[in-house]
PDB file of N, CA and C in Angstrom:
ATOM      1  N   MET A   1       2.041-116.429  -5.933  1.00  0.00           N
ATOM      2  CA  MET A   1       3.231-115.480  -5.131  1.00  0.00           C
ATOM      3  C   MET A   1       4.330-115.232  -5.946  1.00  0.00           C
ATOM      4  N   ILE A   2       5.128-116.351  -6.182  1.00  0.00           N
ATOM      5  CA  ILE A   2       6.820-115.973  -6.370  1.00  0.00           C
ATOM      6  C   ILE A   2       6.890-115.268  -7.914  1.00  0.00           C
ATOM      7  N   PHE A   3       5.857-115.484  -8.619  1.00  0.00           N
ATOM      8  CA  PHE A   3       5.415-114.969  -9.872  1.00  0.00           C
ATOM      9  C   PHE A   3       5.343-112.740  -9.789  1.00  0.00           C
ATOM     10  N   GLU A   4       4.572-112.606  -8.818  1.00  0.00           N
ATOM     11  CA  GLU A   4       4.909-111.149  -8.285  1.00  0.00           C
ATOM     12  C   GLU A   4       6.834-110.937  -7.708  1.00  0.00           C
ATOM     13  N   HIS A   5       6.638-111.790  -7.147  1.00  0.00           N
ATOM     14  CA  HIS A   5       8.374-111.208  -6.149  1.00  0.00           C
ATOM     15  C   HIS A   5       8.938-111.001  -7.432  1.00  0.00           C
ATOM     16  N   VAL A   6       9.021-112.328  -8.285  1.00  0.00           N
ATOM     17  CA  VAL A   6      10.267-112.107  -9.812  1.00  0.00           C
ATOM     18  C   VAL A   6       9.595-110.625 -10.418  1.00  0.00           C
ATOM     19  N   LEU A   7       8.806-110.215 -10.822  1.00  0.00           N
ATOM     20  CA  LEU A   7       8.390-109.176 -11.423  1.00  0.00           C
ATOM     21  C   LEU A   7       9.072-108.035 -10.645  1.00  0.00           C
ATOM     22  N   VAL A   8       8.383-107.624  -8.951  1.00  0.00           N
ATOM     23  CA  VAL A   8       8.987-106.428  -8.254  1.00  0.00           C
ATOM     24  C   VAL A   8      10.558-106.776  -8.182  1.00  0.00           C
ATOM     25  N   LEU A   9      11.314-107.942  -8.267  1.00  0.00           N
ATOM     26  CA  LEU A   9      12.661-107.757  -8.642  1.00  0.00           C
ATOM     27  C   LEU A   9      13.369-107.279  -9.798  1.00  0.00           C
ATOM     28  N   SER A  10      12.637-107.680 -10.915  1.00  0.00           N
ATOM     29  CA  SER A  10      12.639-107.178 -12.054  1.00  0.00           C
ATOM     30  C   SER A  10      12.803-105.737 -12.347  1.00  0.00           C
ATOM     31  N   ALA A  11      11.610-105.773 -11.985  1.00  0.00           N
ATOM     32  CA  ALA A  11      11.514-103.966 -11.818  1.00  0.00           C
ATOM     33  C   ALA A  11      12.615-103.104 -11.091  1.00  0.00           C
ATOM     34  N   TYR A  12      12.950-103.470  -9.887  1.00  0.00           N
ATOM     35  CA  TYR A  12      13.753-102.920  -9.393  1.00  0.00           C
ATOM     36  C   TYR A  12      14.973-103.034 -10.037  1.00  0.00           C
ATOM     37  N   LEU A  13      16.039-103.888 -10.471  1.00  0.00           N
ATOM     38  CA  LEU A  13      17.290-104.014 -11.500  1.00  0.00           C
ATOM     39  C   LEU A  13      17.175-103.535 -12.616  1.00  0.00           C
ATOM     40  N   PHE A  14      16.188-103.684 -13.321  1.00  0.00           N
ATOM     41  CA  PHE A  14      15.553-102.510 -14.549  1.00  0.00           C
ATOM     42  C   PHE A  14      16.105-101.183 -13.772  1.00  0.00           C
ATOM     43  N   SER A  15      15.337-100.739 -12.787  1.00  0.00           N
ATOM     44  CA  SER A  15      15.735 -99.202 -12.285  1.00  0.00           C
ATOM     45  C   SER A  15      16.976 -99.094 -12.359  1.00  0.00           C
ATOM     46  N   ILE A  16      18.023 -99.959 -11.126  1.00  0.00           N
ATOM     47  CA  ILE A  16      18.934 -99.970 -10.883  1.00  0.00           C
ATOM     48  C   ILE A  16      19.710 -99.180 -12.410  1.00  0.00           C
ATOM     49  N   GLY A  17      19.310-100.360 -13.255  1.00  0.00           N
ATOM     50  CA  GLY A  17      20.036-100.691 -15.198  1.00  0.00           C
ATOM     51  C   GLY A  17      19.846 -99.318 -15.129  1.00  0.00           C
ATOM     52  N   ILE A  18      18.978 -98.710 -15.445  1.00  0.00           N
ATOM     53  CA  ILE A  18      18.453 -97.144 -16.426  1.00  0.00           C
ATOM     54  C   ILE A  18      19.297 -96.512 -15.527  1.00  0.00           C
ATOM     55  N   TYR A  19      19.251 -96.344 -14.414  1.00  0.00           N
ATOM     56  CA  TYR A  19      20.244 -95.082 -13.233  1.00  0.00           C
ATOM     57  C   TYR A  19      21.485 -94.907 -13.566  1.00  0.00           C
ATOM     58  N   GLY A  20      21.856 -96.239 -14.091  1.00  0.00           N
ATOM     59  CA  GLY A  20      23.894 -96.424 -13.853  1.00  0.00           C
ATOM     60  C   GLY A  20      23.609 -96.036 -15.398  1.00  0.00           C
ATOM     61  N   LEU A  21      23.044 -96.619 -16.405  1.00  0.00           N
ATOM     62  CA  LEU A  21      23.032 -95.976 -17.532  1.00  0.00           C
ATOM     63  C   LEU A  21      23.024 -94.525 -17.833  1.00  0.00           C
ATOM     64  N   ILE A  22      22.015 -93.949 -17.188  1.00  0.00           N
ATOM     65  CA  ILE A  22      21.998 -92.079 -17.097  1.00  0.00           C
ATOM     66  C   ILE A  22      23.294 -91.684 -16.671  1.00  0.00           C
ATOM     67  N   THR A  23      23.812 -92.007 -15.427  1.00  0.00           N
ATOM     68  CA  THR A  23      24.770 -91.417 -14.602  1.00  0.00           C
ATOM     69  C   THR A  23      26.010 -91.610 -15.287  1.00  0.00           C
ATOM     70  N   SER A  24      26.439 -92.917 -15.525  1.00  0.00           N
ATOM     71  CA  SER A  24      27.340 -93.448 -16.031  1.00  0.00           C
ATOM     72  C   SER A  24      28.607 -92.735 -16.891  1.00  0.00           C
ATOM     73  N   LYS A  25      29.701 -92.657 -16.720  1.00  0.00           N
ATOM     74  CA  LYS A  25      30.949 -91.592 -17.078  1.00  0.00           C
ATOM     75  C   LYS A  25      31.876 -93.006 -18.188  1.00  0.00           C
ATOM     76  N   ASN A  26      31.757 -93.822 -17.610  1.00  0.00           N
ATOM     77  CA  ASN A  26      32.736 -95.191 -18.120  1.00  0.00           C
ATOM     78  C   ASN A  26      31.955 -96.055 -18.403  1.00  0.00           C
ATOM     79  N   MET A  27      32.430 -96.174 -19.830  1.00  0.00           N
ATOM     80  CA  MET A  27      31.841 -97.027 -21.077  1.00  0.00           C
ATOM     81  C   MET A  27      31.667 -98.732 -20.053  1.00  0.00           C
ATOM     82  N   VAL A  28      32.633 -99.136 -19.629  1.00  0.00           N
ATOM     83  CA  VAL A  28      32.473-100.277 -18.735  1.00  0.00           C
ATOM     84  C   VAL A  28      31.262-100.656 -18.123  1.00  0.00           C
ATOM     85  N   ARG A  29      31.125 -99.281 -17.301  1.00  0.00           N
ATOM     86  CA  ARG A  29      30.432 -99.883 -16.173  1.00  0.00           C
ATOM     87  C   ARG A  29      28.486 -99.389 -16.722  1.00  0.00           C
ATOM     88  N   ALA A  30      28.686 -98.413 -18.313  1.00  0.00           N
ATOM     89  CA  ALA A  30      27.162 -98.356 -18.536  1.00  0.00           C
ATOM     90  C   ALA A  30      26.843 -99.570 -19.441  1.00  0.00           C
ATOM     91  N   LEU A  31      28.149-100.110 -19.849  1.00  0.00           N
ATOM     92  CA  LEU A  31      27.548-101.303 -20.869  1.00  0.00           C
ATOM     93  C   LEU A  31      27.332-102.681 -19.569  1.00  0.00           C
ATOM     94  N   MET A  32      27.573-102.678 -18.622  1.00  0.00           N
ATOM     95  CA  MET A  32      27.337-103.308 -17.071  1.00  0.00           C
ATOM     96  C   MET A  32      25.879-102.856 -17.177  1.00  0.00           C
ATOM     97  N   CYS A  33      25.296-102.162 -16.722  1.00  0.00           N
ATOM     98  CA  CYS A  33      23.949-101.577 -16.499  1.00  0.00           C
ATOM     99  C   CYS A  33      23.356-102.054 -17.606  1.00  0.00           C
ATOM    100  N   LEU A  34      23.785-101.937 -19.101  1.00  0.00           N
ATOM    101  CA  LEU A  34      22.586-102.117 -20.271  1.00  0.00           C
ATOM    102  C   LEU A  34      22.560-103.536 -20.150  1.00  0.00           C
ATOM    103  N   GLU A  35      23.818-104.623 -19.668  1.00  0.00           N
ATOM    104  CA  GLU A  35      23.672-106.176 -19.581  1.00  0.00           C
ATOM    105  C   GLU A  35      22.840-106.502 -18.647  1.00  0.00           C
ATOM    106  N   LEU A  36      22.523-105.282 -17.477  1.00  0.00           N
ATOM    107  CA  LEU A  36      21.824-105.826 -16.502  1.00  0.00           C
ATOM    108  C   LEU A  36      20.638-105.848 -16.794  1.00  0.00           C
ATOM    109  N   MET A  37      19.765-104.858 -17.711  1.00  0.00           N
ATOM    110  CA  MET A  37      18.637-104.516 -18.409  1.00  0.00           C
ATOM    111  C   MET A  37      18.425-105.679 -19.307  1.00  0.00           C
ATOM    112  N   LEU A  38      19.034-106.107 -20.180  1.00  0.00           N
ATOM    113  CA  LEU A  38      18.969-107.065 -20.989  1.00  0.00           C
ATOM    114  C   LEU A  38      18.817-108.130 -20.600  1.00  0.00           C
ATOM    115  N   ASN A  39      19.966-108.507 -18.934  1.00  0.00           N
ATOM    116  CA  ASN A  39      19.201-110.021 -18.505  1.00  0.00           C
ATOM    117  C   ASN A  39      18.103-109.859 -17.864  1.00  0.00           C
ATOM    118  N   VAL A  40      17.518-108.443 -17.119  1.00  0.00           N
ATOM    119  CA  VAL A  40      16.047-108.431 -16.339  1.00  0.00           C
ATOM    120  C   VAL A  40      14.930-108.849 -17.774  1.00  0.00           C
ATOM    121  N   VAL A  41      15.019-108.108 -18.795  1.00  0.00           N
ATOM    122  CA  VAL A  41      14.439-108.700 -19.674  1.00  0.00           C
ATOM    123  C   VAL A  41      14.238-110.116 -20.307  1.00  0.00           C
ATOM    124  N   ASN A  42      15.636-110.735 -19.953  1.00  0.00           N
ATOM    125  CA  ASN A  42      15.805-112.673 -20.141  1.00  0.00           C
ATOM    126  C   ASN A  42      14.773-112.911 -19.064  1.00  0.00           C
ATOM    127  N   ILE A  43      14.870-112.244 -17.828  1.00  0.00           N
ATOM    128  CA  ILE A  43      14.380-112.937 -16.469  1.00  0.00           C
ATOM    129  C   ILE A  43      12.880-113.072 -17.158  1.00  0.00           C
ATOM    130  N   ASN A  44      12.496-112.067 -17.583  1.00  0.00           N
ATOM    131  CA  ASN A  44      10.888-111.712 -17.681  1.00  0.00           C
ATOM    132  C   ASN A  44      10.877-112.322 -18.887  1.00  0.00           C
ATOM    133  N   LEU A  45      11.534-112.534 -19.848  1.00  0.00           N
ATOM    134  CA  LEU A  45      10.862-113.858 -20.773  1.00  0.00           C
ATOM    135  C   LEU A  45      10.914-115.092 -20.755  1.00  0.00           C
ATOM    136  N   GLU A  46      11.612-115.598 -19.827  1.00  0.00           N
ATOM    137  CA  GLU A  46      11.668-116.593 -19.289  1.00  0.00           C
ATOM    138  C   GLU A  46      10.340-116.801 -18.284  1.00  0.00           C
ATOM    139  N   ILE A  47       9.796-115.890 -17.766  1.00  0.00           N
ATOM    140  CA  ILE A  47       8.856-116.096 -16.451  1.00  0.00           C
ATOM    141  C   ILE A  47       7.737-116.281 -17.259  1.00  0.00           C
ATOM    142  N   PHE A  48       7.470-115.043 -18.505  1.00  0.00           N
ATOM    143  CA  PHE A  48       6.088-114.781 -19.056  1.00  0.00           C
ATOM    144  C   PHE A  48       6.097-116.250 -20.131  1.00  0.00           C
ATOM    145  N   PHE A  49       7.208-116.637 -20.959  1.00  0.00           N
ATOM    146  CA  PHE A  49       7.149-117.468 -21.902  1.00  0.00           C
ATOM    147  C   PHE A  49       8.113-118.586 -21.979  1.00  0.00           C
ATOM    148  N   SER A  50       8.609-119.183 -21.105  1.00  0.00           N
ATOM    149  CA  SER A  50       9.438-119.896 -20.962  1.00  0.00           C
ATOM    150  C   SER A  50      10.499-119.850 -22.222  1.00  0.00           C
ATOM    151  N   ILE A  51      10.858-118.756 -22.745  1.00  0.00           N
ATOM    152  CA  ILE A  51      12.052-118.414 -23.717  1.00  0.00           C
ATOM    153  C   ILE A  51      13.313-118.133 -22.879  1.00  0.00           C
ATOM    154  N   PHE A  52      14.507-118.937 -23.643  1.00  0.00           N
ATOM    155  CA  PHE A  52      15.745-118.500 -22.737  1.00  0.00           C
ATOM    156  C   PHE A  52      16.715-117.576 -23.819  1.00  0.00           C
ATOM    157  N   VAL A  53      17.057-116.075 -23.824  1.00  0.00           N
ATOM    158  CA  VAL A  53      17.635-115.843 -24.701  1.00  0.00           C
ATOM    159  C   VAL A  53      19.289-115.461 -24.017  1.00  0.00           C
ATOM    160  N   ILE A  54      20.114-115.548 -24.416  1.00  0.00           N
ATOM    161  CA  ILE A  54      21.423-115.254 -23.975  1.00  0.00           C
ATOM    162  C   ILE A  54      21.864-114.110 -24.008  1.00  0.00           C
ATOM    163  N   ALA A  55      21.957-112.765 -23.741  1.00  0.00           N
ATOM    164  CA  ALA A  55      22.515-111.488 -23.803  1.00  0.00           C
ATOM    165  C   ALA A  55      23.921-111.066 -23.228  1.00  0.00           C
ATOM    166  N   ILE A  56      24.701-111.726 -24.392  1.00  0.00           N
ATOM    167  CA  ILE A  56      26.075-111.703 -23.921  1.00  0.00           C
ATOM    168  C   ILE A  56      26.755-110.603 -24.788  1.00  0.00           C
ATOM    169  N   ILE A  57      26.588-109.266 -24.671  1.00  0.00           N
ATOM    170  CA  ILE A  57      27.329-108.520 -25.698  1.00  0.00           C
ATOM    171  C   ILE A  57      28.261-107.369 -25.020  1.00  0.00           C
ATOM    172  N   GLU A  58      28.382-107.793 -24.197  1.00  0.00           N
ATOM    173  CA  GLU A  58      29.215-106.635 -23.516  1.00  0.00           C
ATOM    174  C   GLU A  58      30.485-106.420 -23.486  1.00  0.00           C
ATOM    175  N   PRO A  59      31.527-107.563 -23.442  1.00  0.00           N
ATOM    176  CA  PRO A  59      32.619-108.322 -23.801  1.00  0.00           C
ATOM    177  C   PRO A  59      33.200-107.601 -25.096  1.00  0.00           C
ATOM    178  N   THR A  60      32.059-108.119 -26.074  1.00  0.00           N
ATOM    179  CA  THR A  60      32.691-107.622 -27.745  1.00  0.00           C
ATOM    180  C   THR A  60      32.824-106.358 -27.653  1.00  0.00           C
ATOM    181  N   ILE A  61      31.616-105.540 -27.388  1.00  0.00           N
ATOM    182  CA  ILE A  61      31.744-104.268 -27.238  1.00  0.00           C
ATOM    183  C   ILE A  61      32.430-103.231 -26.999  1.00  0.00           C
ATOM    184  N   VAL A  62      33.026-103.979 -25.565  1.00  0.00           N
ATOM    185  CA  VAL A  62      34.281-103.123 -24.780  1.00  0.00           C
ATOM    186  C   VAL A  62      35.443-103.348 -25.444  1.00  0.00           C
ATOM    187  N   PHE A  63      35.820-104.831 -25.672  1.00  0.00           N
ATOM    188  CA  PHE A  63      36.947-104.886 -26.473  1.00  0.00           C
ATOM    189  C   PHE A  63      36.935-103.817 -27.751  1.00  0.00           C
ATOM    190  N   SER A  64      36.203-103.829 -28.474  1.00  0.00           N
ATOM    191  CA  SER A  64      36.223-103.140 -29.890  1.00  0.00           C
ATOM    192  C   SER A  64      36.510-101.549 -29.414  1.00  0.00           C
ATOM    193  N   ILE A  65      35.767-101.237 -28.338  1.00  0.00           N
ATOM    194  CA  ILE A  65      35.890 -99.500 -28.478  1.00  0.00           C
ATOM    195  C   ILE A  65      37.419 -99.184 -27.519  1.00  0.00           C
ATOM    196  N   TYR A  66      37.579-100.097 -26.795  1.00  0.00           N
ATOM    197  CA  TYR A  66      39.346-100.244 -26.419  1.00  0.00           C
ATOM    198  C   TYR A  66      40.275-100.228 -27.049  1.00  0.00           C
ATOM    199  N   GLY A  67      40.115-101.152 -28.051  1.00  0.00           N
ATOM    200  CA  GLY A  67      41.409-101.636 -28.829  1.00  0.00           C
ATOM    201  C   GLY A  67      40.766-100.170 -30.140  1.00  0.00           C
ATOM    202  N   ASN A  68      39.829 -99.677 -30.430  1.00  0.00           N
ATOM    203  CA  ASN A  68      40.565 -98.300 -31.549  1.00  0.00           C
ATOM    204  C   ASN A  68      40.599 -97.086 -30.293  1.00  0.00           C
ATOM    205  N   LYS A  69      39.923 -96.785 -29.096  1.00  0.00           N
ATOM    206  CA  LYS A  69      40.509 -95.663 -28.740  1.00  0.00           C
ATOM    207  C   LYS A  69      41.350 -95.742 -27.369  1.00  0.00           C
ATOM    208  N   LYS A  70      41.727 -97.242 -27.088  1.00  0.00           N
ATOM    209  CA  LYS A  70      42.837 -96.806 -25.890  1.00  0.00           C
ATOM    210  C   LYS A  70      41.890 -96.714 -24.413  1.00  0.00           C
ATOM    211  N   SER A  71      40.633 -96.404 -24.605  1.00  0.00           N
ATOM    212  CA  SER A  71      40.058 -95.675 -23.546  1.00  0.00           C
ATOM    213  C   SER A  71      38.270 -95.982 -23.203  1.00  0.00           C
ATOM    214  N   THR A  72      38.109 -96.127 -21.768  1.00  0.00           N
ATOM    215  CA  THR A  72      36.890 -96.862 -21.716  1.00  0.00           C
ATOM    216  C   THR A  72      36.092 -95.822 -21.444  1.00  0.00           C
ATOM    217  N   CYS A  73      36.382 -94.101 -21.102  1.00  0.00           N
ATOM    218  CA  CYS A  73      35.770 -92.978 -21.136  1.00  0.00           C
ATOM    219  C   CYS A  73      34.619 -92.762 -21.941  1.00  0.00           C
ATOM    220  N   ILE A  74      33.763 -92.580 -21.879  1.00  0.00           N
ATOM    221  CA  ILE A  74      32.672 -92.205 -22.882  1.00  0.00           C
ATOM    222  C   ILE A  74      32.991 -91.288 -23.715  1.00  0.00           C
ATOM    223  N   ASN A  75      33.593 -90.152 -22.473  1.00  0.00           N
ATOM    224  CA  ASN A  75      33.511 -88.338 -23.264  1.00  0.00           C
ATOM    225  C   ASN A  75      34.650 -89.148 -24.371  1.00  0.00           C
ATOM    226  N   ALA A  76      35.999 -90.012 -23.799  1.00  0.00           N
ATOM    227  CA  ALA A  76      37.177 -89.856 -25.123  1.00  0.00           C
ATOM    228  C   ALA A  76      36.617 -91.050 -25.727  1.00  0.00           C
ATOM    229  N   SER A  77      35.695 -91.759 -25.778  1.00  0.00           N
ATOM    230  CA  SER A  77      35.413 -92.571 -26.853  1.00  0.00           C
ATOM    231  C   SER A  77      34.524 -91.907 -27.920  1.00  0.00           C
ATOM    232  N   VAL A  78      33.684 -90.720 -28.046  1.00  0.00           N
ATOM    233  CA  VAL A  78      32.594 -89.990 -28.794  1.00  0.00           C
ATOM    234  C   VAL A  78      33.605 -88.634 -29.340  1.00  0.00           C
ATOM    235  N   GLY A  79      34.900 -88.915 -28.880  1.00  0.00           N
ATOM    236  CA  GLY A  79      35.730 -87.269 -29.193  1.00  0.00           C
ATOM    237  C   GLY A  79      35.567 -85.949 -28.419  1.00  0.00           C
ATOM    238  N   ILE A  80      34.828 -86.368 -27.431  1.00  0.00           N
ATOM    239  CA  ILE A  80      34.344 -84.938 -26.443  1.00  0.00           C
ATOM    240  C   ILE A  80      35.702 -84.922 -25.331  1.00  0.00           C
ATOM    241  N   SER A  81      35.917 -83.231 -25.772  1.00  0.00           N
ATOM    242  CA  SER A  81      37.085 -83.528 -24.256  1.00  0.00           C
ATOM    243  C   SER A  81      36.129 -82.539 -23.212  1.00  0.00           C
TER     244      SER A  81
END
């Protein structure tokens, strides 16, 4: 019973992450949605195989992009005006 509830919750959260990743114009928001999706995958791995994977990639990527470009706008990060 709880297994199905976790899978439905995971599918819902993954859908929110994909929607946010596709529609986001801010790099921080896009990376937060990507991390949400990775955390959902982590939850599914824990449920299916009892494997714990830590997915903390966002701060490193955000700080490196912000340090190079001084902006978190996706268009400014790739040079599109």
